[in-house]
Amino acid sequence: MLRYITLLFLLSLWSYFYPCPSLLSGPVVTTPSGRVEGTTQSHNGVSVGAFLGIPFARPPVGDLRFRRPRAPASWEGTLSAREMRPGCVQFTRNPFPWRDVPPGLDEDCLYLNVWVPATPLSVLSRKTVMFWVYGGAFVFGSSRVDFYDGRVLAVEGDVIVVTVNYRLGPFGFLYSGNEDAPGNMGLLDLVEALKWVRGNIASFGGDPDSITLFGQSAGGIAIGMFCVSPLTRGMFRRVILQSGSPANLDGEDNNLDFRMSQRLAEAVGCAEDENSLADDPERVVECLRNVDVFELSRTFSALGGNTSRLTYPRFGDELLPQNPRKAIANGVFGAVDVLIGTNSGDGALIITNSMTEVFGFFGEKDPQINRTFGTSIIKKQFQEFVAPCSVVNQYLGGVNDDDFNAIRQQVFMATGDYERTCPATYFAESFAKKGVRAYYYFFTHRPSPSPFAPWMLASHFDETPFVFGYPLRYRRNYTLRERTLSRRMIQAWTAFAKTGIPIGAIWPRYSRENPRYQILDVNSLDTGMGPRQNNCDFFRPFFGF
């Protein structure tokens, strides 16, 4: 009898997502926002309902440019959600593999995508939801980038995958000192998307009380900020931060954001010294609203906005009342489970991106780095650091003058430790200290199709395709062992999302007293201590942890 009831439930669930093909051409879901028709994809013989391009906010165009996101109105009829919508407007000259490029960029970009595997739901429970936030220094990136296709992750992990767009560069972070451009609009977009998911995901079979946020680089930074924000407290259960943590953000000088906004306004003819943003913010912002969206994006990039932190999130508003670094150090954050980690070559791309004339963006120029050159690079990278010479001594003090490969690795390691590895370490330590489960991974495998030079090791972003099952979609580009690693990482990520405990390897819990991390590589699933423990202890006083 129970088997019969269960069969009826599964058949009704199938017909709910996949109605009669003579009436509808794709899976249909009725949500509180309206009826949605998606498309059917598949992976490994399992169907996936893909609902693409669902609006979670009103288009931020016209008078809504630079303003906080507004909830969308419900729609009449059936919304076609069969194709990706445009990425948010962005411009970068460097060929980051995860950037989005024209055609198809638009200011009307606040849409999300949902992948639902057609695997049986439990009669008593709903599926865990994994909510992805892409990286790109808050100036580029998009949920429509192929790396973030959620079908494989949804099927292999039996979870619902959600990916979202958020405003970037000046459109997401312009700050005028008043409500015309309050700053942090990009982060508030993500909050609005999270609200939409919590209010609608049950219609897709998802559990609104079992949401895990996961993101890479700037996406990880944003997620870490949501851990300390009073606006998002209680909206998610777990977080996964990949090569990004707000513990590396310093300063609380909103004047930096204001000055960048003034420079941008001057460059497009909307302000001048005698008629500045400070004097008349309403007039200046109104003028900026009438500037062509692509002209504004290109001008912002030309002013150096893409290569600085001048449009990073600001602190001192209702979203981020204080610097997240201080909040984390002081234990002021929600008690959510944490899986965090970094890559062995995270620092290399930071330097090649800022010194392309020397190294080439992908490291293809490969110059010889002697001690003098290495010292100059470290001093340049740490020019705003309180004691750059001490960093030189820490990283080059024990290296022989003629060991050019070691010098190169130490130079890039210094930047990677300071920007990625150590802030992630401090983040994990702080959460573990509060008694929640914290796990740390260290990704060390260089993928077969990597465009980056071998000496750059496992570069920034290299782990992300493995999380989304890219090697399982494009099998010929990867080895068998890489496909196995991808499956193991999907297992770990989705098990953590469901239970708070990753599986597929040893995965020891992380703490400052026992800093044991999981190595992720095709050749090893061992554990290590640290990582880079001596270097992170060196930086600890400068971060306040």
Protein backbone atom coordinates (compact mmCIF):
# COMPACT_ATOMS: atom_id res chain seq x y z
CA MET A 1 0.00 0.00 0.00
CA LEU A 2 2.79 2.43 0.94
CA ARG A 3 4.60 1.59 -2.33
CA TYR A 4 1.39 2.38 -4.26
CA ILE A 5 0.94 5.74 -2.48
CA THR A 6 4.58 6.65 -3.11
CA LEU A 7 4.22 5.76 -6.81
CA LEU A 8 1.13 7.96 -7.13
CA PHE A 9 3.02 10.83 -5.46
CA LEU A 10 5.95 10.51 -7.86
CA LEU A 11 3.65 10.34 -10.88
CA SER A 12 1.79 13.43 -9.73
CA LEU A 13 5.10 15.22 -9.16
CA TRP A 14 6.25 14.32 -12.68
CA SER A 15 3.02 15.56 -14.22
CA TYR A 16 3.29 18.76 -12.17
CA PHE A 17 6.67 19.63 -13.67
CA TYR A 18 6.11 17.96 -17.04
CA PRO A 19 2.45 18.40 -18.10
CA CYS A 20 0.89 16.99 -21.25
CA PRO A 21 3.23 17.78 -24.19
CA SER A 22 0.26 18.50 -26.46
CA LEU A 23 -0.61 21.52 -24.29
CA LEU A 24 2.77 22.82 -23.20
CA SER A 25 6.25 22.50 -24.65
CA GLY A 26 8.20 22.63 -21.40
CA PRO A 27 7.89 22.11 -17.64
CA VAL A 28 5.51 24.57 -15.97
CA VAL A 29 5.46 25.74 -12.37
CA THR A 30 2.92 28.02 -10.72
CA THR A 31 4.64 30.33 -8.23
CA PRO A 32 3.32 33.16 -6.03
CA SER A 33 4.83 35.52 -8.64
CA GLY A 34 3.04 33.82 -11.54
CA ARG A 35 3.10 30.83 -13.84
CA VAL A 36 6.49 29.93 -15.36
CA GLU A 37 7.29 27.70 -18.33
CA GLY A 38 10.84 26.39 -18.56
CA THR A 39 12.69 24.05 -20.87
CA THR A 40 13.89 20.48 -20.47
CA GLN A 41 17.59 19.70 -20.36
CA SER A 42 19.30 16.48 -19.41
CA HIS A 43 22.46 15.05 -17.92
CA ASN A 44 23.46 11.42 -17.88
CA GLY A 45 19.97 10.34 -18.86
CA VAL A 46 18.23 12.37 -16.15
CA SER A 47 15.90 15.20 -17.15
CA VAL A 48 16.35 18.65 -15.66
CA GLY A 49 13.75 21.37 -15.62
CA ALA A 50 15.59 24.60 -16.50
CA PHE A 51 13.72 27.83 -15.76
CA LEU A 52 15.85 30.57 -17.27
CA GLY A 53 15.54 34.33 -17.06
CA ILE A 54 12.98 34.77 -14.27
CA PRO A 55 12.76 38.41 -13.11
CA PHE A 56 13.39 38.93 -9.40
CA ALA A 57 13.31 42.74 -9.48
CA ARG A 58 12.03 45.52 -11.68
CA PRO A 59 14.36 46.50 -14.53
CA PRO A 60 16.86 49.02 -13.07
CA VAL A 61 16.56 51.41 -15.98
CA GLY A 62 15.57 55.05 -16.39
CA ASP A 63 14.76 56.56 -13.02
CA LEU A 64 15.64 53.25 -11.31
CA ARG A 65 19.28 53.37 -12.48
CA PHE A 66 21.53 53.52 -9.36
CA ARG A 67 18.54 53.00 -7.04
CA ARG A 68 17.86 50.14 -4.67
CA PRO A 69 16.15 47.18 -6.37
CA ARG A 70 12.36 47.14 -6.37
CA ALA A 71 10.35 43.93 -6.10
CA PRO A 72 8.75 42.96 -9.43
CA ALA A 73 5.02 42.94 -10.01
CA SER A 74 3.36 39.57 -10.50
CA TRP A 75 2.79 38.71 -14.16
CA GLU A 76 -0.32 37.62 -15.99
CA GLY A 77 -0.42 34.48 -18.06
CA THR A 78 2.62 32.20 -18.38
CA LEU A 79 6.13 33.62 -18.31
CA SER A 80 8.44 32.04 -20.90
CA ALA A 81 11.62 31.06 -19.03
CA ARG A 82 13.29 29.06 -21.77
CA GLU A 83 16.31 31.23 -22.55
CA MET A 84 19.00 33.04 -20.60
CA ARG A 85 18.48 36.77 -20.23
CA PRO A 86 21.29 39.31 -20.76
CA GLY A 87 24.16 39.78 -18.38
CA CYS A 88 24.54 43.11 -16.63
CA VAL A 89 26.50 45.81 -18.46
CA GLN A 90 30.27 45.52 -17.94
CA PHE A 91 33.51 46.29 -19.71
CA THR A 92 36.99 44.86 -19.23
CA ARG A 93 39.92 44.78 -21.62
CA ASN A 94 41.48 41.66 -20.12
CA PRO A 95 40.23 38.24 -21.34
CA PHE A 96 38.99 36.76 -18.09
CA PRO A 97 37.39 33.42 -19.05
CA TRP A 98 34.44 34.12 -16.74
CA ARG A 99 33.59 37.62 -17.97
CA ASP A 100 30.53 38.29 -20.12
CA VAL A 101 30.84 40.13 -23.42
CA PRO A 102 28.52 41.75 -26.00
CA PRO A 103 26.25 41.07 -27.68
CA GLY A 104 23.65 40.38 -25.04
CA LEU A 105 24.61 42.75 -22.24
CA ASP A 106 21.88 45.01 -20.98
CA GLU A 107 21.00 47.32 -18.13
CA ASP A 108 17.78 45.32 -17.79
CA CYS A 109 19.51 42.30 -16.30
CA LEU A 110 18.05 41.37 -12.91
CA TYR A 111 17.04 37.80 -13.67
CA LEU A 112 17.73 34.41 -12.14
CA ASN A 113 17.85 30.81 -13.35
CA VAL A 114 16.60 27.65 -11.64
CA TRP A 115 17.58 24.05 -12.40
CA VAL A 116 15.37 21.32 -10.94
CA PRO A 117 16.42 17.66 -11.38
CA ALA A 118 13.57 15.29 -12.22
CA THR A 119 14.70 12.90 -9.49
CA PRO A 120 12.12 11.75 -6.94
CA LEU A 121 11.34 14.07 -4.07
CA SER A 122 10.90 12.46 -0.70
CA VAL A 123 7.28 12.32 0.36
CA LEU A 124 8.28 14.15 3.53
CA SER A 125 10.98 16.54 2.41
CA ARG A 126 11.95 19.04 -0.26
CA LYS A 127 15.24 19.54 -2.05
CA THR A 128 18.11 21.62 -0.74
CA VAL A 129 18.73 24.83 -2.70
CA MET A 130 22.19 26.04 -3.76
CA PHE A 131 22.28 29.77 -4.60
CA TRP A 132 25.31 30.79 -6.72
CA VAL A 133 26.97 34.23 -6.71
CA TYR A 134 29.54 34.75 -9.48
CA GLY A 135 32.83 36.57 -9.04
CA GLY A 136 34.57 39.25 -11.08
CA ALA A 137 35.75 41.96 -8.68
CA PHE A 138 32.20 43.41 -8.66
CA VAL A 139 32.84 44.79 -12.15
CA PHE A 140 32.29 41.84 -14.51
CA GLY A 141 30.67 38.41 -14.61
CA SER A 142 27.25 36.97 -15.41
CA SER A 143 25.02 34.04 -14.55
CA ARG A 144 24.75 33.16 -18.25
CA VAL A 145 28.47 32.29 -18.50
CA ASP A 146 28.57 28.63 -19.57
CA PHE A 147 30.72 27.59 -16.61
CA TYR A 148 27.71 28.26 -14.36
CA ASP A 149 25.20 26.04 -16.16
CA GLY A 150 23.53 24.26 -13.24
CA ARG A 151 22.24 21.07 -14.85
CA VAL A 152 25.13 18.74 -13.91
CA LEU A 153 25.38 20.00 -10.33
CA ALA A 154 21.60 19.65 -9.93
CA VAL A 155 21.54 16.04 -11.16
CA GLU A 156 24.78 14.74 -9.64
CA GLY A 157 24.04 16.35 -6.28
CA ASP A 158 20.24 16.03 -6.33
CA VAL A 159 19.79 19.70 -5.42
CA ILE A 160 18.05 22.72 -6.90
CA VAL A 161 20.57 25.18 -8.34
CA VAL A 162 19.87 28.91 -8.61
CA THR A 163 22.15 31.41 -10.36
CA VAL A 164 21.50 35.15 -10.37
CA ASN A 165 22.69 38.39 -11.97
CA TYR A 166 23.51 41.51 -10.00
CA ARG A 167 24.53 45.00 -11.08
CA LEU A 168 28.24 45.68 -11.51
CA GLY A 169 30.70 48.57 -11.55
CA PRO A 170 29.11 52.03 -11.31
CA PHE A 171 25.60 50.61 -11.85
CA GLY A 172 25.97 48.43 -8.76
CA PHE A 173 28.17 50.53 -6.50
CA LEU A 174 28.03 54.25 -7.42
CA TYR A 175 27.82 56.31 -4.23
CA SER A 176 26.38 59.82 -4.14
CA GLY A 177 26.02 60.26 -0.40
CA ASN A 178 22.22 60.11 -0.58
CA GLU A 179 19.43 57.82 -1.75
CA ASP A 180 19.84 58.75 -5.41
CA ALA A 181 22.82 56.38 -5.53
CA PRO A 182 23.19 54.83 -2.06
CA GLY A 183 25.97 52.40 -2.97
CA ASN A 184 25.83 48.62 -2.50
CA MET A 185 23.02 48.32 -5.08
CA GLY A 186 24.66 45.18 -6.46
CA LEU A 187 24.62 43.53 -3.05
CA LEU A 188 21.03 44.63 -2.50
CA ASP A 189 20.17 42.98 -5.85
CA LEU A 190 21.41 39.71 -4.39
CA VAL A 191 19.33 40.24 -1.25
CA GLU A 192 16.25 40.84 -3.43
CA ALA A 193 17.00 37.66 -5.39
CA LEU A 194 17.35 35.72 -2.14
CA LYS A 195 13.98 37.06 -0.99
CA TRP A 196 12.44 35.90 -4.26
CA VAL A 197 13.92 32.45 -3.87
CA ARG A 198 12.70 32.10 -0.31
CA GLY A 199 9.21 33.14 -1.36
CA ASN A 200 8.96 31.05 -4.53
CA ILE A 201 11.33 28.08 -4.43
CA ALA A 202 8.83 25.78 -2.69
CA SER A 203 6.83 25.85 -5.94
CA PHE A 204 9.82 24.18 -7.64
CA GLY A 205 10.10 21.54 -4.93
CA GLY A 206 12.82 23.38 -3.01
CA ASP A 207 13.15 23.90 0.72
CA PRO A 208 13.28 27.63 1.59
CA ASP A 209 14.72 26.69 4.97
CA SER A 210 17.62 24.76 3.44
CA ILE A 211 19.45 27.30 1.29
CA THR A 212 23.21 27.28 0.89
CA LEU A 213 24.92 30.30 -0.63
CA PHE A 214 28.06 29.53 -2.63
CA GLY A 215 30.25 31.82 -4.66
CA GLN A 216 33.73 32.47 -5.96
CA SER A 217 36.04 35.48 -5.50
CA ALA A 218 33.82 38.59 -5.28
CA GLY A 219 30.89 36.19 -4.96
CA GLY A 220 32.51 34.67 -1.88
CA ILE A 221 33.20 38.14 -0.49
CA ALA A 222 29.53 39.06 -0.95
CA ILE A 223 28.37 35.88 0.76
CA GLY A 224 30.73 36.52 3.68
CA MET A 225 29.19 39.99 4.00
CA PHE A 226 25.73 38.46 4.18
CA CYS A 227 26.93 36.41 7.14
CA VAL A 228 27.40 39.65 9.10
CA SER A 229 24.52 41.68 7.62
CA PRO A 230 21.40 42.15 9.76
CA LEU A 231 19.33 42.27 6.56
CA THR A 232 20.09 38.67 5.62
CA ARG A 233 20.23 37.07 9.06
CA GLY A 234 18.29 33.80 9.02
CA MET A 235 17.79 33.74 5.23
CA PHE A 236 20.22 30.86 4.58
CA ARG A 237 21.64 27.92 6.48
CA ARG A 238 25.15 27.38 5.11
CA VAL A 239 27.81 29.11 3.03
CA ILE A 240 30.60 28.03 0.68
CA LEU A 241 33.28 30.63 -0.09
CA GLN A 242 35.68 29.86 -2.94
CA SER A 243 38.80 32.09 -3.01
CA GLY A 244 36.96 35.04 -1.55
CA SER A 245 36.40 36.35 1.97
CA PRO A 246 35.41 39.77 3.35
CA ALA A 247 38.19 39.40 5.91
CA ASN A 248 40.54 40.94 3.33
CA LEU A 249 38.56 44.20 3.07
CA ASP A 250 40.14 47.10 4.90
CA GLY A 251 39.27 50.69 5.64
CA GLU A 252 35.97 52.43 6.19
CA ASP A 253 36.62 55.54 4.10
CA ASN A 254 33.50 56.06 2.01
CA ASN A 255 35.19 59.16 0.59
CA LEU A 256 37.04 56.80 -1.77
CA ASP A 257 33.72 55.74 -3.30
CA PHE A 258 32.55 59.34 -3.40
CA ARG A 259 35.69 60.58 -5.13
CA MET A 260 35.43 57.84 -7.77
CA SER A 261 31.81 58.83 -8.40
CA GLN A 262 32.87 62.48 -8.77
CA ARG A 263 35.62 61.54 -11.25
CA LEU A 264 33.18 59.49 -13.30
CA ALA A 265 30.63 62.32 -13.33
CA GLU A 266 33.29 64.78 -14.45
CA ALA A 267 34.52 62.47 -17.21
CA VAL A 268 31.06 62.25 -18.82
CA GLY A 269 30.24 65.92 -18.38
CA CYS A 270 27.84 65.64 -15.46
CA ALA A 271 29.94 67.46 -12.84
CA GLU A 272 32.85 69.82 -12.38
CA ASP A 273 34.74 71.32 -9.45
CA GLU A 274 32.29 74.23 -9.10
CA ASN A 275 29.22 72.05 -9.59
CA SER A 276 30.14 68.84 -7.89
CA LEU A 277 28.42 65.70 -6.66
CA ALA A 278 28.79 67.01 -3.12
CA ASP A 279 27.11 70.30 -4.03
CA ASP A 280 24.11 68.88 -5.86
CA PRO A 281 23.92 65.07 -5.80
CA GLU A 282 20.38 64.93 -7.18
CA ARG A 283 21.28 66.92 -10.31
CA VAL A 284 24.52 65.04 -10.94
CA VAL A 285 22.95 61.59 -10.53
CA GLU A 286 20.02 62.58 -12.73
CA CYS A 287 22.54 63.59 -15.40
CA LEU A 288 24.34 60.26 -15.02
CA ARG A 289 21.03 58.46 -15.51
CA ASN A 290 20.83 59.95 -18.99
CA VAL A 291 24.32 58.91 -20.09
CA ASP A 292 24.48 55.96 -22.49
CA VAL A 293 24.96 52.81 -20.46
CA PHE A 294 27.91 51.51 -22.48
CA GLU A 295 29.64 54.89 -22.54
CA LEU A 296 29.38 55.01 -18.77
CA SER A 297 30.79 51.50 -18.45
CA ARG A 298 33.74 52.17 -20.79
CA THR A 299 34.53 55.49 -19.09
CA PHE A 300 34.49 53.83 -15.69
CA SER A 301 36.99 51.24 -16.92
CA ALA A 302 39.21 53.90 -18.49
CA LEU A 303 39.36 55.72 -15.14
CA GLY A 304 40.78 52.60 -13.52
CA GLY A 305 37.58 51.49 -11.84
CA ASN A 306 38.05 47.88 -12.97
CA THR A 307 41.48 47.55 -11.39
CA SER A 308 40.89 49.14 -8.00
CA ARG A 309 38.68 48.67 -4.98
CA LEU A 310 36.98 52.00 -5.45
CA THR A 311 33.68 50.30 -6.23
CA TYR A 312 33.92 47.58 -3.62
CA PRO A 313 31.01 47.46 -1.17
CA ARG A 314 30.88 50.29 1.33
CA PHE A 315 30.17 50.08 5.04
CA GLY A 316 28.00 52.14 7.34
CA ASP A 317 24.50 51.48 5.97
CA GLU A 318 21.70 49.13 7.01
CA LEU A 319 23.20 46.30 4.94
CA LEU A 320 26.70 46.57 6.39
CA PRO A 321 26.65 48.68 9.57
CA GLN A 322 30.35 48.02 10.14
CA ASN A 323 33.38 46.71 8.31
CA PRO A 324 32.79 42.94 7.89
CA ARG A 325 36.41 42.27 8.81
CA LYS A 326 35.89 43.84 12.23
CA ALA A 327 32.53 42.14 12.64
CA ILE A 328 34.06 38.73 11.90
CA ALA A 329 37.03 39.34 14.21
CA ASN A 330 34.60 40.31 16.98
CA GLY A 331 32.27 37.36 16.41
CA VAL A 332 29.37 39.50 15.15
CA PHE A 333 27.91 37.17 12.52
CA GLY A 334 25.24 34.56 12.03
CA ALA A 335 26.12 31.07 13.19
CA VAL A 336 26.04 29.25 9.85
CA ASP A 337 28.15 26.28 8.75
CA VAL A 338 31.12 27.23 6.57
CA LEU A 339 33.05 25.49 3.81
CA ILE A 340 35.84 27.75 2.56
CA GLY A 341 39.03 27.37 0.57
CA THR A 342 41.55 28.74 -1.88
CA ASN A 343 43.74 27.65 -4.79
CA SER A 344 47.49 27.11 -4.79
CA GLY A 345 48.01 29.78 -7.48
CA ASP A 346 45.38 32.33 -6.47
CA GLY A 347 47.98 35.12 -6.33
CA ALA A 348 49.39 34.64 -9.82
CA LEU A 349 46.42 36.09 -11.71
CA ILE A 350 46.33 39.16 -9.47
CA ILE A 351 49.84 40.05 -10.60
CA THR A 352 49.53 39.07 -14.27
CA ASN A 353 46.31 41.08 -14.47
CA SER A 354 48.05 44.19 -13.10
CA MET A 355 51.37 43.64 -14.96
CA THR A 356 50.29 42.22 -18.32
CA GLU A 357 53.07 44.07 -20.13
CA VAL A 358 55.60 42.04 -18.14
CA PHE A 359 53.97 38.63 -17.76
CA GLY A 360 51.13 38.55 -20.29
CA PHE A 361 47.64 38.05 -18.93
CA PHE A 362 47.92 34.25 -19.07
CA GLY A 363 51.55 34.20 -17.92
CA GLU A 364 52.73 33.41 -21.45
CA LYS A 365 55.71 35.83 -21.40
CA ASP A 366 57.32 34.07 -18.42
CA PRO A 367 60.16 36.49 -17.63
CA GLN A 368 63.01 35.54 -15.35
CA ILE A 369 62.52 36.99 -11.88
CA ASN A 370 65.70 37.62 -9.89
CA ARG A 371 65.77 38.90 -6.32
CA THR A 372 65.87 42.57 -7.36
CA PHE A 373 62.90 42.20 -9.69
CA GLY A 374 61.01 40.08 -7.18
CA THR A 375 61.60 42.67 -4.46
CA SER A 376 60.26 45.44 -6.70
CA ILE A 377 57.11 43.44 -7.50
CA ILE A 378 56.37 42.78 -3.84
CA LYS A 379 56.94 46.43 -2.97
CA LYS A 380 54.58 47.47 -5.76
CA GLN A 381 51.88 45.03 -4.71
CA PHE A 382 52.22 46.08 -1.08
CA GLN A 383 52.86 49.79 -1.63
CA GLU A 384 49.97 50.73 0.65
CA PHE A 385 51.00 48.14 3.23
CA VAL A 386 52.34 49.46 6.51
CA ALA A 387 55.71 47.71 6.09
CA PRO A 388 56.38 46.37 2.55
CA CYS A 389 60.01 45.57 3.36
CA SER A 390 58.87 43.16 6.04
CA VAL A 391 56.86 41.28 3.38
CA VAL A 392 60.00 41.07 1.23
CA ASN A 393 61.92 39.59 4.15
CA GLN A 394 59.14 37.14 5.00
CA TYR A 395 58.91 35.71 1.49
CA LEU A 396 62.38 36.16 0.00
CA GLY A 397 64.56 36.05 3.09
CA GLY A 398 65.26 32.32 2.85
CA VAL A 399 65.48 31.98 -0.96
CA ASN A 400 68.78 31.65 -2.80
CA ASP A 401 69.63 34.48 -5.21
CA ASP A 402 70.02 32.10 -8.15
CA ASP A 403 66.82 30.11 -7.57
CA PHE A 404 64.66 32.09 -9.98
CA ASN A 405 61.74 29.66 -9.95
CA ALA A 406 61.54 29.77 -6.16
CA ILE A 407 61.71 33.57 -6.19
CA ARG A 408 58.86 33.70 -8.68
CA GLN A 409 56.69 31.34 -6.64
CA GLN A 410 57.34 33.28 -3.44
CA VAL A 411 56.47 36.59 -5.09
CA PHE A 412 53.14 35.29 -6.32
CA MET A 413 52.52 33.45 -3.07
CA ALA A 414 52.87 36.69 -1.10
CA THR A 415 50.01 38.31 -3.00
CA GLY A 416 47.87 35.16 -2.92
CA ASP A 417 48.34 34.71 0.81
CA TYR A 418 47.49 38.32 1.58
CA GLU A 419 44.51 38.58 -0.75
CA ARG A 420 43.02 35.07 -0.56
CA THR A 421 44.54 32.35 1.59
CA CYS A 422 45.04 34.15 4.91
CA PRO A 423 41.71 36.03 4.92
CA ALA A 424 39.99 32.69 4.25
CA THR A 425 41.94 31.18 7.12
CA TYR A 426 40.91 33.92 9.54
CA PHE A 427 37.29 33.61 8.40
CA ALA A 428 37.24 29.86 9.05
CA GLU A 429 38.97 30.27 12.42
CA SER A 430 36.44 32.87 13.55
CA PHE A 431 33.45 30.72 12.68
CA ALA A 432 34.99 27.64 14.28
CA LYS A 433 35.63 29.66 17.44
CA LYS A 434 31.90 30.39 17.63
CA GLY A 435 31.21 26.66 17.67
CA VAL A 436 29.84 26.16 14.15
CA ARG A 437 31.19 23.61 11.69
CA ALA A 438 33.99 24.99 9.53
CA TYR A 439 35.88 23.14 6.79
CA TYR A 440 38.79 24.29 4.63
CA TYR A 441 39.91 22.98 1.23
CA PHE A 442 43.07 23.73 -0.77
CA PHE A 443 42.69 23.15 -4.51
CA THR A 444 46.03 22.29 -6.13
CA HIS A 445 45.18 20.77 -9.53
CA ARG A 446 45.89 22.63 -12.78
CA PRO A 447 43.11 21.65 -15.23
CA SER A 448 44.04 20.12 -18.58
CA PRO A 449 42.38 22.89 -20.68
CA SER A 450 43.72 25.72 -18.50
CA PRO A 451 44.73 28.76 -20.59
CA PHE A 452 47.15 29.86 -17.88
CA ALA A 453 50.87 29.07 -17.90
CA PRO A 454 51.84 25.93 -15.92
CA TRP A 455 53.95 27.96 -13.49
CA MET A 456 50.74 29.70 -12.34
CA LEU A 457 49.69 26.40 -10.71
CA ALA A 458 45.98 26.06 -9.86
CA SER A 459 44.99 29.56 -10.81
CA HIS A 460 42.17 31.73 -9.53
CA PHE A 461 38.81 30.25 -10.64
CA ASP A 462 40.28 26.87 -11.67
CA GLU A 463 38.17 25.01 -9.08
CA THR A 464 34.84 26.47 -10.22
CA PRO A 465 34.32 24.36 -13.39
CA PHE A 466 34.85 21.24 -11.25
CA VAL A 467 32.13 22.34 -8.83
CA PHE A 468 29.64 22.77 -11.69
CA GLY A 469 30.60 19.49 -13.38
CA TYR A 470 32.17 21.10 -16.43
CA PRO A 471 34.46 18.06 -16.94
CA LEU A 472 31.33 15.88 -17.04
CA ARG A 473 29.69 18.04 -19.74
CA TYR A 474 32.82 18.41 -21.88
CA ARG A 475 34.36 15.02 -21.28
CA ARG A 476 36.86 15.10 -24.14
CA ASN A 477 38.60 18.15 -22.70
CA TYR A 478 39.36 16.45 -19.40
CA THR A 479 40.96 13.25 -18.20
CA LEU A 480 39.18 10.44 -16.40
CA ARG A 481 40.82 11.46 -13.14
CA GLU A 482 39.63 15.04 -13.62
CA ARG A 483 36.08 13.80 -14.14
CA THR A 484 36.41 11.78 -10.95
CA LEU A 485 37.67 14.84 -9.07
CA SER A 486 34.70 16.84 -10.34
CA ARG A 487 32.27 14.20 -9.08
CA ARG A 488 33.99 14.12 -5.70
CA MET A 489 33.81 17.88 -5.38
CA ILE A 490 30.13 17.90 -6.34
CA GLN A 491 29.58 15.20 -3.72
CA ALA A 492 31.36 17.26 -1.09
CA TRP A 493 29.67 20.57 -1.95
CA THR A 494 26.15 19.16 -2.13
CA ALA A 495 26.52 16.95 0.95
CA PHE A 496 27.69 19.99 2.88
CA ALA A 497 24.71 21.97 1.56
CA LYS A 498 22.33 19.28 2.76
CA THR A 499 23.87 18.27 6.07
CA GLY A 500 26.69 20.64 6.96
CA ILE A 501 29.23 17.82 6.52
CA PRO A 502 31.13 17.31 3.21
CA ILE A 503 31.73 13.73 2.09
CA GLY A 504 33.97 11.92 -0.39
CA ALA A 505 37.23 12.38 1.55
CA ILE A 506 38.45 12.82 5.12
CA TRP A 507 37.31 16.44 5.57
CA PRO A 508 38.47 17.26 9.10
CA ARG A 509 36.83 20.17 10.87
CA TYR A 510 38.99 23.30 10.79
CA SER A 511 40.00 25.52 13.70
CA ARG A 512 42.93 27.68 14.75
CA GLU A 513 43.94 24.99 17.26
CA ASN A 514 43.74 22.25 14.62
CA PRO A 515 44.17 23.92 11.19
CA ARG A 516 43.81 20.76 9.15
CA TYR A 517 42.49 21.19 5.61
CA GLN A 518 41.44 18.93 2.74
CA ILE A 519 43.63 18.82 -0.38
CA LEU A 520 41.69 18.65 -3.66
CA ASP A 521 43.78 17.24 -6.50
CA VAL A 522 43.61 14.36 -8.98
CA ASN A 523 46.72 12.91 -7.34
CA SER A 524 45.80 13.42 -3.69
CA LEU A 525 42.90 13.57 -1.29
CA ASP A 526 45.18 13.90 1.72
CA THR A 527 44.95 16.51 4.41
CA GLY A 528 47.47 19.18 5.34
CA MET A 529 48.14 21.69 8.09
CA GLY A 530 47.69 25.40 7.45
CA PRO A 531 47.68 26.21 4.64
CA ARG A 532 50.61 28.65 4.62
CA GLN A 533 50.37 28.80 8.40
CA ASN A 534 53.65 30.64 8.98
CA ASN A 535 52.79 33.32 6.42
CA CYS A 536 49.29 33.79 7.79
CA ASP A 537 50.69 34.17 11.30
CA PHE A 538 52.97 36.87 9.89
CA PHE A 539 50.00 38.78 8.42
CA ARG A 540 47.73 38.20 11.41
CA PRO A 541 48.53 41.47 13.26
CA PHE A 542 47.88 43.52 10.13
CA PHE A 543 44.41 41.97 9.74
CA GLY A 544 43.51 42.15 13.41
CA PHE A 545 42.87 38.43 13.90
